[in-house]
């Protein structure tokens, strides 16, 4: 259920795999995405199961309506009843409030400065990377008192640069915005490495304490992959502060 978990100085980071939930195929089993066609009751049950595994209160997990943009929301608690806004990053100074990001090939980015008590979660797909969602999240953290040199960044399972095949023109367009994304597939065609781009953007802010997952979602059947399966579930990354 929890594929990876990491803690440091009061900050906690976790990523799910696809197993241990109640969703039926093609979302089997631990689909945490509420906008992919799965039964809403199954998604709620899965979110409760994952929260329980992490010793979190499901009602204190903040989700996003992700749209591949760069908008960031600063949150102090769960969303009000009028709905979840369209953002691709959330930032908080609330201790014990978990921030969640959904992915199925995109790069989930979790950030925390435990000294300042600031955490963030960002959804970095190819469009969001180019738009600058990760720099926007870091800037929001800095505005709340975080310091780049203290921020720990953790990226989760995502499609790797050896597998994310794109047209040549698209690779060139993305590389113009973030040169470090330039890649080639293992079979020799143009590709984009989103995680490498995320790390480069973080480094330009002075964020150097970075941990990256070695898992490629397309290659591993233990993780959801939109590129591989199209109709599928979503993984979640969580970050929270004690």
C-alpha atoms as a PDB file:
ATOM      1  CA  UNK A   1       0.000   0.000   0.000  1.00  0.00           C
ATOM      2  CA  UNK A   2       2.652   2.528   1.034  1.00  0.00           C
ATOM      3  CA  UNK A   3       5.392   2.041  -1.529  1.00  0.00           C
ATOM      4  CA  UNK A   4       7.870   4.485   0.002  1.00  0.00           C
ATOM      5  CA  UNK A   5       8.053   6.427   3.254  1.00  0.00           C
ATOM      6  CA  UNK A   6      10.672   8.825   4.564  1.00  0.00           C
ATOM      7  CA  UNK A   7      10.927  11.097   7.597  1.00  0.00           C
ATOM      8  CA  UNK A   8      13.439  13.756   8.589  1.00  0.00           C
ATOM      9  CA  UNK A   9      13.449  16.253  11.464  1.00  0.00           C
ATOM     10  CA  UNK A  10       9.690  16.277  11.927  1.00  0.00           C
ATOM     11  CA  UNK A  11       8.772  16.194   8.229  1.00  0.00           C
ATOM     12  CA  UNK A  12       7.171  13.097   6.737  1.00  0.00           C
ATOM     13  CA  UNK A  13       6.946  12.005   3.094  1.00  0.00           C
ATOM     14  CA  UNK A  14       5.105   8.989   1.681  1.00  0.00           C
ATOM     15  CA  UNK A  15       4.047   7.545  -1.673  1.00  0.00           C
ATOM     16  CA  UNK A  16       1.517   4.811  -2.365  1.00  0.00           C
ATOM     17  CA  UNK A  17       1.714   1.914  -4.780  1.00  0.00           C
ATOM     18  CA  UNK A  18      -1.381   0.403  -6.427  1.00  0.00           C
ATOM     19  CA  UNK A  19      -2.051  -2.458  -4.010  1.00  0.00           C
ATOM     20  CA  UNK A  20      -4.135  -2.950  -0.870  1.00  0.00           C
ATOM     21  CA  UNK A  21      -7.305  -1.078  -1.865  1.00  0.00           C
ATOM     22  CA  UNK A  22     -10.861  -1.937  -2.860  1.00  0.00           C
ATOM     23  CA  UNK A  23     -11.197  -0.565  -6.409  1.00  0.00           C
ATOM     24  CA  UNK A  24     -12.079  -2.950  -9.225  1.00  0.00           C
ATOM     25  CA  UNK A  25     -10.238  -3.181 -12.553  1.00  0.00           C
ATOM     26  CA  UNK A  26      -9.012  -1.148 -14.351  1.00  0.00           C
ATOM     27  CA  UNK A  27      -8.463   0.952 -11.207  1.00  0.00           C
ATOM     28  CA  UNK A  28      -7.314  -1.944  -9.075  1.00  0.00           C
ATOM     29  CA  UNK A  29      -6.642  -1.689  -6.281  1.00  0.00           C
ATOM     30  CA  UNK A  30      -5.630   1.442  -4.376  1.00  0.00           C
ATOM     31  CA  UNK A  31      -6.884   4.147  -6.704  1.00  0.00           C
ATOM     32  CA  UNK A  32      -6.852   7.477  -4.851  1.00  0.00           C
ATOM     33  CA  UNK A  33      -7.977   9.664  -7.755  1.00  0.00           C
ATOM     34  CA  UNK A  34     -11.547  10.911  -7.634  1.00  0.00           C
ATOM     35  CA  UNK A  35     -11.828  12.095 -11.239  1.00  0.00           C
ATOM     36  CA  UNK A  36     -10.827   9.047 -13.279  1.00  0.00           C
ATOM     37  CA  UNK A  37     -14.159   7.211 -13.479  1.00  0.00           C
ATOM     38  CA  UNK A  38     -13.810   4.963 -10.438  1.00  0.00           C
ATOM     39  CA  UNK A  39     -16.664   4.385  -7.976  1.00  0.00           C
ATOM     40  CA  UNK A  40     -16.612   7.341  -5.521  1.00  0.00           C
ATOM     41  CA  UNK A  41     -17.282   5.027  -2.598  1.00  0.00           C
ATOM     42  CA  UNK A  42     -14.224   2.955  -3.470  1.00  0.00           C
ATOM     43  CA  UNK A  43     -12.076   6.075  -3.707  1.00  0.00           C
ATOM     44  CA  UNK A  44     -13.252   7.268  -0.275  1.00  0.00           C
ATOM     45  CA  UNK A  45     -12.517   3.839   1.195  1.00  0.00           C
ATOM     46  CA  UNK A  46      -9.067   3.794  -0.395  1.00  0.00           C
ATOM     47  CA  UNK A  47      -8.242   7.256   0.937  1.00  0.00           C
ATOM     48  CA  UNK A  48      -9.275   6.137   4.403  1.00  0.00           C
ATOM     49  CA  UNK A  49      -7.157   2.989   4.133  1.00  0.00           C
ATOM     50  CA  UNK A  50      -4.078   4.931   3.029  1.00  0.00           C
ATOM     51  CA  UNK A  51      -4.539   7.549   5.752  1.00  0.00           C
ATOM     52  CA  UNK A  52      -4.909   4.860   8.399  1.00  0.00           C
ATOM     53  CA  UNK A  53      -1.720   3.190   7.166  1.00  0.00           C
ATOM     54  CA  UNK A  54       0.094   6.520   7.638  1.00  0.00           C
ATOM     55  CA  UNK A  55      -1.582   7.245  10.991  1.00  0.00           C
ATOM     56  CA  UNK A  56      -3.303  10.281   9.467  1.00  0.00           C
ATOM     57  CA  UNK A  57      -6.840  11.575   9.903  1.00  0.00           C
ATOM     58  CA  UNK A  58      -8.502  11.231   6.453  1.00  0.00           C
ATOM     59  CA  UNK A  59     -10.421  14.459   7.139  1.00  0.00           C
ATOM     60  CA  UNK A  60      -7.103  16.291   7.575  1.00  0.00           C
ATOM     61  CA  UNK A  61      -5.725  15.421   4.128  1.00  0.00           C
ATOM     62  CA  UNK A  62      -5.832  18.209   1.530  1.00  0.00           C
ATOM     63  CA  UNK A  63      -6.376  17.094  -2.074  1.00  0.00           C
ATOM     64  CA  UNK A  64      -6.201  19.148  -5.271  1.00  0.00           C
ATOM     65  CA  UNK A  65      -8.208  19.426  -8.459  1.00  0.00           C
ATOM     66  CA  UNK A  66      -5.114  19.193 -10.674  1.00  0.00           C
ATOM     67  CA  UNK A  67      -5.136  20.837 -14.116  1.00  0.00           C
ATOM     68  CA  UNK A  68      -1.472  20.855 -15.253  1.00  0.00           C
ATOM     69  CA  UNK A  69      -1.001  24.533 -14.403  1.00  0.00           C
ATOM     70  CA  UNK A  70       1.159  26.550 -12.020  1.00  0.00           C
ATOM     71  CA  UNK A  71      -1.389  27.919  -9.552  1.00  0.00           C
ATOM     72  CA  UNK A  72      -0.604  27.447  -5.865  1.00  0.00           C
ATOM     73  CA  UNK A  73      -2.990  27.557  -2.906  1.00  0.00           C
ATOM     74  CA  UNK A  74      -1.897  28.304   0.654  1.00  0.00           C
ATOM     75  CA  UNK A  75      -4.084  26.261   2.992  1.00  0.00           C
ATOM     76  CA  UNK A  76      -4.667  26.275   6.736  1.00  0.00           C
ATOM     77  CA  UNK A  77      -7.057  23.335   6.808  1.00  0.00           C
ATOM     78  CA  UNK A  78      -9.223  21.092   4.633  1.00  0.00           C
ATOM     79  CA  UNK A  79     -11.245  22.745   1.883  1.00  0.00           C
ATOM     80  CA  UNK A  80     -14.656  24.153   2.731  1.00  0.00           C
ATOM     81  CA  UNK A  81     -17.791  22.497   1.380  1.00  0.00           C
ATOM     82  CA  UNK A  82     -17.842  24.696  -1.745  1.00  0.00           C
ATOM     83  CA  UNK A  83     -15.296  22.456  -3.412  1.00  0.00           C
ATOM     84  CA  UNK A  84     -11.661  21.791  -4.231  1.00  0.00           C
ATOM     85  CA  UNK A  85     -10.019  24.512  -6.356  1.00  0.00           C
ATOM     86  CA  UNK A  86      -8.102  23.960  -9.579  1.00  0.00           C
ATOM     87  CA  UNK A  87      -4.482  24.158  -8.425  1.00  0.00           C
ATOM     88  CA  UNK A  88      -1.356  22.087  -8.951  1.00  0.00           C
ATOM     89  CA  UNK A  89       0.426  22.909  -5.712  1.00  0.00           C
ATOM     90  CA  UNK A  90      -0.602  23.429  -2.114  1.00  0.00           C
ATOM     91  CA  UNK A  91       1.438  24.958   0.698  1.00  0.00           C
ATOM     92  CA  UNK A  92       0.759  25.012   4.431  1.00  0.00           C
ATOM     93  CA  UNK A  93       2.140  26.072   7.784  1.00  0.00           C
ATOM     94  CA  UNK A  94      -0.368  23.817   9.519  1.00  0.00           C
ATOM     95  CA  UNK A  95       1.269  21.066  11.503  1.00  0.00           C
ATOM     96  CA  UNK A  96      -0.535  17.754  11.285  1.00  0.00           C
ATOM     97  CA  UNK A  97      -2.215  18.782   8.035  1.00  0.00           C
ATOM     98  CA  UNK A  98      -1.277  16.384   5.231  1.00  0.00           C
ATOM     99  CA  UNK A  99      -0.950  17.647   1.665  1.00  0.00           C
ATOM    100  CA  UNK A 100      -1.603  15.134  -1.126  1.00  0.00           C
ATOM    101  CA  UNK A 101      -0.711  15.043  -4.817  1.00  0.00           C
ATOM    102  CA  UNK A 102      -2.096  12.563  -7.360  1.00  0.00           C
ATOM    103  CA  UNK A 103      -0.054  11.096 -10.213  1.00  0.00           C
ATOM    104  CA  UNK A 104       0.105   8.286 -12.756  1.00  0.00           C
ATOM    105  CA  UNK A 105       3.389   9.114 -14.603  1.00  0.00           C
ATOM    106  CA  UNK A 106       3.768  12.802 -13.666  1.00  0.00           C
ATOM    107  CA  UNK A 107       6.346  13.664 -11.009  1.00  0.00           C
ATOM    108  CA  UNK A 108       4.976  14.171  -7.490  1.00  0.00           C
ATOM    109  CA  UNK A 109       7.063  16.751  -5.624  1.00  0.00           C
ATOM    110  CA  UNK A 110       6.975  16.967  -1.815  1.00  0.00           C
ATOM    111  CA  UNK A 111       8.766  19.799  -0.011  1.00  0.00           C
ATOM    112  CA  UNK A 112       9.290  20.697   3.646  1.00  0.00           C
ATOM    113  CA  UNK A 113      11.224  23.135   5.821  1.00  0.00           C
ATOM    114  CA  UNK A 114      10.569  21.729   9.306  1.00  0.00           C
ATOM    115  CA  UNK A 115      12.404  24.612  11.011  1.00  0.00           C
ATOM    116  CA  UNK A 116      10.043  27.205   9.524  1.00  0.00           C
ATOM    117  CA  UNK A 117       7.117  24.787   9.692  1.00  0.00           C
ATOM    118  CA  UNK A 118       6.263  25.022   5.992  1.00  0.00           C
ATOM    119  CA  UNK A 119       5.363  22.132   3.674  1.00  0.00           C
ATOM    120  CA  UNK A 120       4.237  21.876   0.050  1.00  0.00           C
ATOM    121  CA  UNK A 121       3.073  19.323  -2.500  1.00  0.00           C
ATOM    122  CA  UNK A 122       3.232  19.914  -6.254  1.00  0.00           C
ATOM    123  CA  UNK A 123       2.047  18.070  -9.361  1.00  0.00           C
ATOM    124  CA  UNK A 124       4.731  18.332 -12.034  1.00  0.00           C
ATOM    125  CA  UNK A 125       3.672  16.881 -15.342  1.00  0.00           C
ATOM    126  CA  UNK A 126       5.293  18.088 -18.547  1.00  0.00           C
ATOM    127  CA  UNK A 127       2.948  21.117 -18.939  1.00  0.00           C
ATOM    128  CA  UNK A 128       3.205  22.079 -15.270  1.00  0.00           C
ATOM    129  CA  UNK A 129       6.970  21.778 -15.326  1.00  0.00           C
ATOM    130  CA  UNK A 130       7.176  24.160 -18.271  1.00  0.00           C
ATOM    131  CA  UNK A 131       4.644  26.509 -16.672  1.00  0.00           C
ATOM    132  CA  UNK A 132       6.766  26.627 -13.507  1.00  0.00           C
ATOM    133  CA  UNK A 133       4.615  24.977 -10.855  1.00  0.00           C
ATOM    134  CA  UNK A 134       7.634  23.840  -8.842  1.00  0.00           C
ATOM    135  CA  UNK A 135       9.277  27.305  -8.689  1.00  0.00           C
ATOM    136  CA  UNK A 136       5.848  28.739  -7.811  1.00  0.00           C
ATOM    137  CA  UNK A 137       5.525  26.303  -4.898  1.00  0.00           C
ATOM    138  CA  UNK A 138       9.016  27.142  -3.627  1.00  0.00           C
ATOM    139  CA  UNK A 139       8.308  30.869  -3.896  1.00  0.00           C
ATOM    140  CA  UNK A 140       5.132  30.400  -1.850  1.00  0.00           C
ATOM    141  CA  UNK A 141       7.135  28.532   0.796  1.00  0.00           C
ATOM    142  CA  UNK A 142       9.754  31.273   0.942  1.00  0.00           C
ATOM    143  CA  UNK A 143       7.034  33.890   1.394  1.00  0.00           C
ATOM    144  CA  UNK A 144       5.903  31.991   4.500  1.00  0.00           C
ATOM    145  CA  UNK A 145       9.360  31.961   6.078  1.00  0.00           C
ATOM    146  CA  UNK A 146      11.011  28.895   4.598  1.00  0.00           C
ATOM    147  CA  UNK A 147      14.648  29.023   3.537  1.00  0.00           C
ATOM    148  CA  UNK A 148      15.769  27.219   0.386  1.00  0.00           C
ATOM    149  CA  UNK A 149      18.867  25.792   2.084  1.00  0.00           C
ATOM    150  CA  UNK A 150      16.656  24.080   4.675  1.00  0.00           C
ATOM    151  CA  UNK A 151      14.041  22.666   2.303  1.00  0.00           C
ATOM    152  CA  UNK A 152      14.028  18.915   1.831  1.00  0.00           C
ATOM    153  CA  UNK A 153      12.583  17.831  -1.513  1.00  0.00           C
ATOM    154  CA  UNK A 154      11.366  14.319  -2.284  1.00  0.00           C
ATOM    155  CA  UNK A 155      10.134  13.177  -5.686  1.00  0.00           C
ATOM    156  CA  UNK A 156       8.137   9.997  -6.066  1.00  0.00           C
ATOM    157  CA  UNK A 157       7.567   7.307  -8.679  1.00  0.00           C
ATOM    158  CA  UNK A 158       7.200   8.798 -12.168  1.00  0.00           C
ATOM    159  CA  UNK A 159       7.814   7.893 -15.778  1.00  0.00           C
ATOM    160  CA  UNK A 160      11.550   8.047 -16.417  1.00  0.00           C
ATOM    161  CA  UNK A 161      13.441   9.863 -19.148  1.00  0.00           C
ATOM    162  CA  UNK A 162      14.266   6.549 -20.840  1.00  0.00           C
ATOM    163  CA  UNK A 163      10.541   5.812 -21.319  1.00  0.00           C
ATOM    164  CA  UNK A 164       8.759   9.137 -21.804  1.00  0.00           C
ATOM    165  CA  UNK A 165       8.792   9.235 -25.587  1.00  0.00           C
ATOM    166  CA  UNK A 166       7.618  12.480 -27.221  1.00  0.00           C
ATOM    167  CA  UNK A 167       7.806  14.046 -30.694  1.00  0.00           C
ATOM    168  CA  UNK A 168      11.089  15.779 -31.514  1.00  0.00           C
ATOM    169  CA  UNK A 169       9.433  19.208 -31.594  1.00  0.00           C
ATOM    170  CA  UNK A 170       7.925  18.692 -28.155  1.00  0.00           C
ATOM    171  CA  UNK A 171      11.280  17.651 -26.685  1.00  0.00           C
ATOM    172  CA  UNK A 172      12.820  20.815 -28.110  1.00  0.00           C
ATOM    173  CA  UNK A 173      10.025  23.006 -26.749  1.00  0.00           C
ATOM    174  CA  UNK A 174      10.322  21.572 -23.238  1.00  0.00           C
ATOM    175  CA  UNK A 175      14.123  21.770 -23.299  1.00  0.00           C
ATOM    176  CA  UNK A 176      13.958  25.446 -24.263  1.00  0.00           C
ATOM    177  CA  UNK A 177      12.145  26.045 -20.987  1.00  0.00           C
ATOM    178  CA  UNK A 178      14.101  23.531 -18.876  1.00  0.00           C
ATOM    179  CA  UNK A 179      17.255  22.296 -20.680  1.00  0.00           C
ATOM    180  CA  UNK A 180      17.858  19.452 -18.230  1.00  0.00           C
ATOM    181  CA  UNK A 181      14.739  17.633 -19.455  1.00  0.00           C
ATOM    182  CA  UNK A 182      16.346  16.713 -22.796  1.00  0.00           C
ATOM    183  CA  UNK A 183      16.450  12.927 -22.993  1.00  0.00           C
ATOM    184  CA  UNK A 184      16.433   9.932 -25.310  1.00  0.00           C
ATOM    185  CA  UNK A 185      14.489   6.717 -24.835  1.00  0.00           C
ATOM    186  CA  UNK A 186      16.258   3.431 -24.325  1.00  0.00           C
ATOM    187  CA  UNK A 187      15.297   2.629 -27.934  1.00  0.00           C
ATOM    188  CA  UNK A 188      16.811   5.838 -29.301  1.00  0.00           C
ATOM    189  CA  UNK A 189      13.864   8.202 -29.860  1.00  0.00           C
ATOM    190  CA  UNK A 190      13.218  11.711 -28.431  1.00  0.00           C
ATOM    191  CA  UNK A 191      12.144  11.817 -24.796  1.00  0.00           C
ATOM    192  CA  UNK A 192      11.584  14.167 -21.864  1.00  0.00           C
ATOM    193  CA  UNK A 193      12.885  13.628 -18.325  1.00  0.00           C
ATOM    194  CA  UNK A 194      10.446  15.540 -16.111  1.00  0.00           C
ATOM    195  CA  UNK A 195      12.077  14.541 -12.826  1.00  0.00           C
ATOM    196  CA  UNK A 196      15.464  15.805 -14.030  1.00  0.00           C
ATOM    197  CA  UNK A 197      13.752  19.074 -14.875  1.00  0.00           C
ATOM    198  CA  UNK A 198      12.207  19.298 -11.416  1.00  0.00           C
ATOM    199  CA  UNK A 199      15.572  18.746  -9.753  1.00  0.00           C
ATOM    200  CA  UNK A 200      17.165  21.407 -11.944  1.00  0.00           C
ATOM    201  CA  UNK A 201      14.472  23.941 -11.067  1.00  0.00           C
ATOM    202  CA  UNK A 202      14.916  23.192  -7.371  1.00  0.00           C
ATOM    203  CA  UNK A 203      18.683  23.546  -7.639  1.00  0.00           C
ATOM    204  CA  UNK A 204      18.295  26.989  -9.175  1.00  0.00           C
ATOM    205  CA  UNK A 205      16.525  28.051  -5.979  1.00  0.00           C
ATOM    206  CA  UNK A 206      19.273  26.549  -3.827  1.00  0.00           C
ATOM    207  CA  UNK A 207      17.239  23.508  -2.783  1.00  0.00           C
ATOM    208  CA  UNK A 208      19.885  20.801  -2.620  1.00  0.00           C
ATOM    209  CA  UNK A 209      18.538  18.266  -0.111  1.00  0.00           C
ATOM    210  CA  UNK A 210      16.745  16.120  -2.674  1.00  0.00           C
ATOM    211  CA  UNK A 211      15.712  12.476  -2.702  1.00  0.00           C
ATOM    212  CA  UNK A 212      14.329  10.850  -5.851  1.00  0.00           C
ATOM    213  CA  UNK A 213      12.495   7.589  -6.361  1.00  0.00           C
ATOM    214  CA  UNK A 214      14.223   5.072  -8.639  1.00  0.00           C
ATOM    215  CA  UNK A 215      10.851   3.685  -9.776  1.00  0.00           C
ATOM    216  CA  UNK A 216       9.571   4.253 -13.303  1.00  0.00           C
ATOM    217  CA  UNK A 217       5.783   4.008 -13.284  1.00  0.00           C
ATOM    218  CA  UNK A 218       5.606   2.837 -16.882  1.00  0.00           C
ATOM    219  CA  UNK A 219       8.068   0.013 -16.257  1.00  0.00           C
ATOM    220  CA  UNK A 220       6.667  -1.197 -12.923  1.00  0.00           C
ATOM    221  CA  UNK A 221       3.314  -3.038 -12.779  1.00  0.00           C
ATOM    222  CA  UNK A 222       3.109  -2.123  -9.086  1.00  0.00           C
ATOM    223  CA  UNK A 223       2.295   1.494  -9.971  1.00  0.00           C
ATOM    224  CA  UNK A 224      -0.391   3.186 -12.046  1.00  0.00           C
ATOM    225  CA  UNK A 225       0.750   4.517 -15.436  1.00  0.00           C
ATOM    226  CA  UNK A 226      -1.471   6.558 -17.714  1.00  0.00           C
ATOM    227  CA  UNK A 227       1.007   6.224 -20.580  1.00  0.00           C
ATOM    228  CA  UNK A 228       0.953   2.418 -20.276  1.00  0.00           C
ATOM    229  CA  UNK A 229      -2.723   1.743 -19.483  1.00  0.00           C
ATOM    230  CA  UNK A 230      -4.671   4.955 -20.268  1.00  0.00           C
ATOM    231  CA  UNK A 231      -7.718   4.055 -18.170  1.00  0.00           C
ATOM    232  CA  UNK A 232      -6.206   3.536 -14.744  1.00  0.00           C
ATOM    233  CA  UNK A 233      -5.990   4.760 -11.162  1.00  0.00           C
ATOM    234  CA  UNK A 234      -3.884   7.384  -9.446  1.00  0.00           C
ATOM    235  CA  UNK A 235      -1.108   7.131  -6.889  1.00  0.00           C
ATOM    236  CA  UNK A 236      -0.723   9.646  -4.073  1.00  0.00           C
ATOM    237  CA  UNK A 237       2.189  11.396  -2.449  1.00  0.00           C
ATOM    238  CA  UNK A 238       1.736  12.838   1.048  1.00  0.00           C
ATOM    239  CA  UNK A 239       3.744  15.356   3.044  1.00  0.00           C
ATOM    240  CA  UNK A 240       3.037  16.577   6.588  1.00  0.00           C
ATOM    241  CA  UNK A 241       4.788  18.114   9.590  1.00  0.00           C
ATOM    242  CA  UNK A 242       4.612  16.964  13.209  1.00  0.00           C
END
